Protein backbone atom coordinates (compact mmCIF):
# COMPACT_ATOMS: atom_id res chain seq x y z
CA UNK A 1 -0.11 0.28 -0.09
CA UNK A 2 1.14 3.68 -0.83
CA UNK A 3 1.03 6.22 1.52
CA UNK A 4 -0.47 9.11 -0.63
CA UNK A 5 -0.91 12.61 0.44
CA UNK A 6 -0.43 16.45 -0.95
CA UNK A 7 3.08 17.51 -1.00
CA UNK A 8 3.32 21.05 -1.78
CA UNK A 9 6.11 23.47 -2.57
CA UNK A 10 6.68 24.82 0.13
CA UNK A 11 5.97 21.88 2.20
CA UNK A 12 3.06 22.14 4.46
CA UNK A 13 2.74 21.27 8.17
CA UNK A 14 -0.49 19.49 8.11
CA UNK A 15 0.28 17.52 5.05
CA UNK A 16 3.54 16.74 5.95
CA UNK A 17 2.37 14.90 9.46
CA UNK A 18 1.41 12.02 7.16
CA UNK A 19 5.13 11.44 6.60
CA UNK A 20 5.68 11.37 10.45
CA UNK A 21 2.70 10.53 12.21
CA UNK A 22 1.73 7.32 10.72
CA UNK A 23 4.86 5.27 11.37
CA UNK A 24 3.81 5.42 15.16
CA UNK A 25 0.64 4.31 14.44
CA UNK A 26 0.91 1.65 11.95
CA UNK A 27 2.88 -1.41 11.62
CA UNK A 28 6.68 -0.72 10.05
CA UNK A 29 6.02 -3.05 6.85
CA UNK A 30 2.35 -1.39 6.19
CA UNK A 31 3.16 1.06 3.15
CA UNK A 32 5.15 -0.18 0.12
CA UNK A 33 5.40 1.99 -3.39
CA UNK A 34 2.41 -0.53 -4.68
CA UNK A 35 0.15 2.14 -6.56
CA UNK A 36 -2.70 -0.37 -7.05
CA UNK A 37 -3.66 0.46 -3.36
CA UNK A 38 -3.43 4.01 -2.00
CA UNK A 39 -3.56 5.11 1.59
CA UNK A 40 -5.32 8.30 1.67
CA UNK A 41 -4.70 9.91 5.30
CA UNK A 42 -4.28 13.46 6.57
CA UNK A 43 -5.85 16.55 4.27
CA UNK A 44 -8.51 17.54 1.91
CA UNK A 45 -7.43 14.87 -0.68
CA UNK A 46 -10.98 12.75 -1.02
CA UNK A 47 -10.74 13.73 -4.61
CA UNK A 48 -11.71 12.37 -8.44
CA UNK A 49 -7.98 12.36 -10.04
CA UNK A 50 -6.55 9.07 -8.49
CA UNK A 51 -6.06 6.45 -10.98
CA UNK A 52 -9.42 4.78 -11.73
CA UNK A 53 -8.72 1.50 -10.65
CA UNK A 54 -6.29 1.73 -7.55
CA UNK A 55 -7.78 0.74 -4.40
CA UNK A 56 -8.42 4.25 -2.22
CA UNK A 57 -8.21 3.42 1.35
CA UNK A 58 -9.09 6.53 3.38
CA UNK A 59 -8.06 7.07 7.09
CA UNK A 60 -9.32 10.18 8.06
CA UNK A 61 -9.41 12.60 5.30
CA UNK A 62 -11.62 14.92 4.11
CA UNK A 63 -13.70 16.24 1.16
CA UNK A 64 -12.40 19.68 0.80
CA UNK A 65 -14.32 20.93 -2.36
CA UNK A 66 -10.63 21.52 -4.30
CA UNK A 67 -11.73 19.18 -7.28
CA UNK A 68 -15.43 17.60 -8.54
CA UNK A 69 -16.71 15.06 -6.25
CA UNK A 70 -15.04 11.53 -6.87
CA UNK A 71 -17.91 8.44 -7.61
CA UNK A 72 -16.77 6.75 -3.99
CA UNK A 73 -19.60 4.18 -4.79
CA UNK A 74 -17.40 2.43 -7.83
CA UNK A 75 -15.95 -0.20 -5.72
CA UNK A 76 -12.42 1.49 -5.39
CA UNK A 77 -12.90 3.09 -2.16
CA UNK A 78 -12.45 1.94 1.39
CA UNK A 79 -13.45 4.23 4.05
CA UNK A 80 -12.62 3.48 7.69
CA UNK A 81 -13.44 7.36 8.97
CA UNK A 82 -13.55 10.46 7.71
CA UNK A 83 -12.65 14.17 9.09
CA UNK A 84 -16.51 15.26 9.50
CA UNK A 85 -20.05 15.27 8.72
CA UNK A 86 -19.53 17.90 5.95
CA UNK A 87 -17.63 15.16 4.03
CA UNK A 88 -20.08 12.50 4.44
CA UNK A 89 -22.94 14.52 3.38
CA UNK A 90 -21.03 15.80 0.17
CA UNK A 91 -20.18 12.08 -0.89
CA UNK A 92 -22.99 10.36 0.20
CA UNK A 93 -21.17 8.54 2.53
CA UNK A 94 -22.61 6.86 6.30
CA UNK A 95 -23.05 9.45 9.03
CA UNK A 96 -21.09 7.22 11.48
CA UNK A 97 -17.81 7.47 9.23
CA UNK A 98 -17.32 11.38 10.30
CA UNK A 99 -15.38 10.84 13.71
CA UNK A 100 -12.46 13.64 13.25
CA UNK A 101 -9.67 14.42 11.41
CA UNK A 102 -6.95 11.64 11.62
CA UNK A 103 -4.32 14.39 12.93
CA UNK A 104 -5.92 13.88 15.85
CA UNK A 105 -4.09 10.72 16.31
CA UNK A 106 -0.85 12.51 17.45
CA UNK A 107 -2.31 12.05 21.05
CA UNK A 108 -1.43 8.55 20.23
CA UNK A 109 2.29 9.02 19.19
CA UNK A 110 5.45 10.18 20.50
CA UNK A 111 5.66 14.25 21.14
CA UNK A 112 8.63 16.72 21.05
CA UNK A 113 9.60 18.44 24.07
CA UNK A 114 7.63 22.03 24.28
CA UNK A 115 9.29 25.06 23.06
CA UNK A 116 10.18 27.38 25.63
CA UNK A 117 9.11 31.35 25.64
CA UNK A 118 6.04 31.49 23.48
CA UNK A 119 3.17 33.39 24.59
CA UNK A 120 1.27 33.78 21.66
CA UNK A 121 1.76 31.75 17.92
CA UNK A 122 0.40 32.83 14.66
CA UNK A 123 0.37 30.18 12.04
CA UNK A 124 -0.56 31.47 8.65
CA UNK A 125 -2.14 29.35 5.57
CA UNK A 126 1.16 27.80 3.80
CA UNK A 127 -0.11 29.98 0.91
CA UNK A 128 0.24 32.90 2.70
CA UNK A 129 3.95 32.57 3.73
CA UNK A 130 4.66 33.74 -0.05
CA UNK A 131 1.53 35.74 -0.82
CA UNK A 132 1.72 37.81 2.59
CA UNK A 133 4.29 39.35 5.29
CA UNK A 134 3.58 37.50 8.43
CA UNK A 135 7.09 37.36 9.61
CA UNK A 136 6.84 41.11 9.71
CA UNK A 137 3.43 41.66 11.05
CA UNK A 138 4.25 39.03 13.75
CA UNK A 139 7.68 41.02 14.88
CA UNK A 140 5.72 44.16 15.21
CA UNK A 141 3.10 42.33 17.23
CA UNK A 142 5.32 40.54 19.56
CA UNK A 143 4.16 37.41 18.60
CA UNK A 144 5.85 34.27 17.70
CA UNK A 145 5.59 33.18 14.05
CA UNK A 146 5.17 29.51 13.49
CA UNK A 147 6.17 28.73 9.85
CA UNK A 148 3.82 25.88 8.36
CA UNK A 149 6.48 24.86 6.14
CA UNK A 150 9.12 24.08 8.91
CA UNK A 151 9.64 20.64 9.90
CA UNK A 152 6.74 19.10 11.65
CA UNK A 153 8.76 18.06 15.26
CA UNK A 154 9.78 22.22 14.77
CA UNK A 155 6.00 23.24 14.29
CA UNK A 156 4.76 20.68 17.16
CA UNK A 157 7.03 21.69 19.93
CA UNK A 158 6.12 25.47 19.01
CA UNK A 159 2.20 24.60 19.29
CA UNK A 160 3.00 22.44 22.55
CA UNK A 161 4.86 25.24 24.36
CA UNK A 162 2.31 28.09 23.04
CA UNK A 163 -0.22 29.39 25.40
CA UNK A 164 -2.63 30.52 22.66
CA UNK A 165 -2.21 29.71 18.75
CA UNK A 166 -4.05 32.17 16.68
CA UNK A 167 -4.39 30.42 13.20
CA UNK A 168 -5.13 30.64 9.42
CA UNK A 169 -4.11 27.09 8.90
CA UNK A 170 -6.64 24.60 9.80
CA UNK A 171 -4.20 21.82 10.94
CA UNK A 172 -2.63 24.59 13.11
CA UNK A 173 -6.70 24.56 14.99
CA UNK A 174 -6.75 21.01 14.73
CA UNK A 175 -3.42 20.03 16.19
CA UNK A 176 -3.65 22.62 18.77
CA UNK A 177 -7.14 21.54 19.64
CA UNK A 178 -5.77 17.63 20.07
CA UNK A 179 -3.11 18.81 22.36
CA UNK A 180 -5.26 20.93 24.10
CA UNK A 181 -3.39 24.34 23.11
CA UNK A 182 -6.43 27.07 23.06
CA UNK A 183 -6.45 28.42 19.81
CA UNK A 184 -8.06 31.13 17.96
CA UNK A 185 -9.24 30.42 13.98
CA UNK A 186 -9.03 33.07 11.80
CA UNK A 187 -10.73 33.52 8.20
CA UNK A 188 -8.83 32.24 5.67
CA UNK A 189 -7.61 34.91 2.91
CA UNK A 190 -8.84 32.55 0.13
CA UNK A 191 -12.50 31.69 0.49
CA UNK A 192 -11.55 28.17 -1.09
CA UNK A 193 -10.25 26.75 1.99
CA UNK A 194 -13.23 27.71 4.45
CA UNK A 195 -15.62 24.84 3.79
CA UNK A 196 -13.06 21.96 5.38
CA UNK A 197 -13.20 24.03 8.84
CA UNK A 198 -16.61 23.58 9.15
CA UNK A 199 -16.35 20.00 8.34
CA UNK A 200 -13.86 19.23 11.06
CA UNK A 201 -15.50 21.60 13.75
CA UNK A 202 -18.50 20.17 13.34
CA UNK A 203 -17.21 16.80 14.24
CA UNK A 204 -16.02 17.72 17.63
CA UNK A 205 -19.23 20.27 18.06
CA UNK A 206 -16.71 23.29 18.19
CA UNK A 207 -18.84 26.38 17.69
CA UNK A 208 -16.54 27.63 15.28
CA UNK A 209 -16.65 31.59 14.11
CA UNK A 210 -13.85 32.66 12.71
CA UNK A 211 -12.31 35.90 13.33
CA UNK A 212 -11.14 38.46 10.69
CA UNK A 213 -7.71 39.12 10.58
CA UNK A 214 -6.13 42.45 8.68
CA UNK A 215 -4.48 41.32 5.66
CA UNK A 216 -0.39 41.77 6.14
CA UNK A 217 0.04 43.40 2.28
CA UNK A 218 -1.23 44.40 -0.60
CA UNK A 219 -1.55 41.18 -2.37
CA UNK A 220 -3.93 39.61 0.71
CA UNK A 221 -5.57 42.28 0.55
CA UNK A 222 -6.15 42.07 -2.96
CA UNK A 223 -7.11 38.20 -2.63
CA UNK A 224 -9.23 38.94 0.17
CA UNK A 225 -11.17 41.87 -1.87
CA UNK A 226 -11.57 39.72 -5.18
CA UNK A 227 -11.69 35.87 -4.00
CA UNK A 228 -8.62 35.37 -6.31
CA UNK A 229 -5.40 33.41 -5.23
CA UNK A 230 -3.20 36.86 -5.38
CA UNK A 231 -0.20 35.50 -7.42
CA UNK A 232 -0.87 36.71 -10.61
CA UNK A 233 1.96 38.15 -12.60
CA UNK A 234 -0.13 41.62 -12.56
CA UNK A 235 -0.58 41.84 -8.57
CA UNK A 236 2.66 41.06 -7.75
CA UNK A 237 4.52 43.30 -9.63
CA UNK A 238 2.18 46.15 -8.43
CA UNK A 239 2.40 45.03 -4.83
CA UNK A 240 6.22 44.75 -4.71
CA UNK A 241 6.56 48.27 -6.80
CA UNK A 242 8.45 51.41 -4.80
CA UNK A 243 4.89 53.17 -5.04
CA UNK A 244 3.29 50.30 -3.02
CA UNK A 245 5.75 49.98 -0.24
CA UNK A 246 4.20 52.84 1.99
CA UNK A 247 0.69 50.86 1.55
CA UNK A 248 2.61 47.67 2.30
CA UNK A 249 4.01 49.25 5.57
CA UNK A 250 0.77 50.63 6.54
CA UNK A 251 -0.91 46.77 6.26
CA UNK A 252 2.16 45.33 8.29
CA UNK A 253 0.90 47.42 11.20
CA UNK A 254 -2.52 46.87 10.55
CA UNK A 255 -2.28 43.59 10.46
CA UNK A 256 -0.20 43.23 13.91
CA UNK A 257 -2.56 45.43 15.39
CA UNK A 258 -5.34 42.90 14.19
CA UNK A 259 -3.21 40.22 15.84
CA UNK A 260 -2.67 42.01 18.92
CA UNK A 261 -6.45 42.35 19.53
CA UNK A 262 -7.32 38.70 18.32
CA UNK A 263 -4.95 37.57 21.28
CA UNK A 264 -7.31 39.24 23.61
CA UNK A 265 -10.31 37.21 22.54
CA UNK A 266 -11.66 33.93 24.70
CA UNK A 267 -9.79 31.30 22.56
CA UNK A 268 -11.34 27.88 21.43
CA UNK A 269 -11.08 24.38 22.53
CA UNK A 270 -13.16 21.44 22.18
CA UNK A 271 -14.52 19.71 25.39
CA UNK A 272 -12.47 16.86 26.86
CA UNK A 273 -14.79 14.49 26.29
CA UNK A 274 -15.32 15.34 22.80
CA UNK A 275 -11.55 14.70 21.92
CA UNK A 276 -11.24 11.82 24.06
CA UNK A 277 -14.45 10.29 22.46
CA UNK A 278 -12.97 11.15 19.00
CA UNK A 279 -9.58 9.88 19.73
CA UNK A 280 -10.82 6.30 20.97
CA UNK A 281 -13.41 6.07 17.88
CA UNK A 282 -9.93 6.79 15.64
CA UNK A 283 -7.71 4.86 17.02
CA UNK A 284 -10.64 2.02 17.04
CA UNK A 285 -10.97 2.37 13.47
CA UNK A 286 -7.00 2.12 13.08
CA UNK A 287 -6.59 -0.92 14.84
CA UNK A 288 -9.23 -2.59 12.78
CA UNK A 289 -7.45 -1.76 9.38
CA UNK A 290 -4.20 -2.93 11.02
CA UNK A 291 -6.25 -6.21 11.97
CA UNK A 292 -8.03 -6.57 8.41
CA UNK A 293 -4.72 -6.25 6.40
CA UNK A 294 -2.90 -8.70 8.62
CA UNK A 295 -5.70 -10.91 7.86
CA UNK A 296 -5.51 -10.25 3.98
CA UNK A 297 -1.84 -10.76 4.22
CA UNK A 298 -2.06 -13.93 5.88
CA UNK A 299 -4.36 -15.38 3.17
CA UNK A 300 -2.61 -13.91 0.34
């Protein structure tokens, strides 16, 4: 079975957890490079463009609306659990499959020592690293910048060590919640990333009300106001022009003030009972998967 997940440039924390987390939860020989069986884990990776004949084994993934809906009833899909009720509704699946995002199972794995001296951290969506300037905004606000493109162990240590995580990245919230670090979710700059937040939050009965965060530069302001990605050549050139720099500087300061105000809000955190329930159900599903494939191999 081949481990399959989104691999971006730059790498993205939530997706890269697949490369580290599953090695603690599954047998050492569980994965190989056989493309006829695909293991579909953490991420919004239930999509239509996998090889038609390949078996797709879904363990805690979600449908994100990034592609058209796959035909999950064509006999090539095997579901153990999914991220939330929006996924089951969108794809016509059994509602009982809606347990939680698979990253909740970090609770069942070894974790790094918490980073020190982090009061408030901010994690942008990985696309906002290139489009925005959150390093500058965080420096002005006196808030730790948590870079989702950094190695997973470093990001986990920062989340564990923070008193509060403000996050545009969904897995910043998912992992903070799983590890019991209070968090505040902000509305993503690009609307396409918003559906999946409600999918995850509803699975854990979290009252999700994303906060507004002022854009960190002109490119993000363009993305927010137009609904586009903010990466076109023309908008990039304009935002980097000399004439635009005073406006970019103003955005940096406004974004910093926005972060400081958010840090004063009441944070979110699912109930302990909800998180424990979801963790137990997800781990039960994984153990059932292990037993199933061990049996399959025994009789192969």
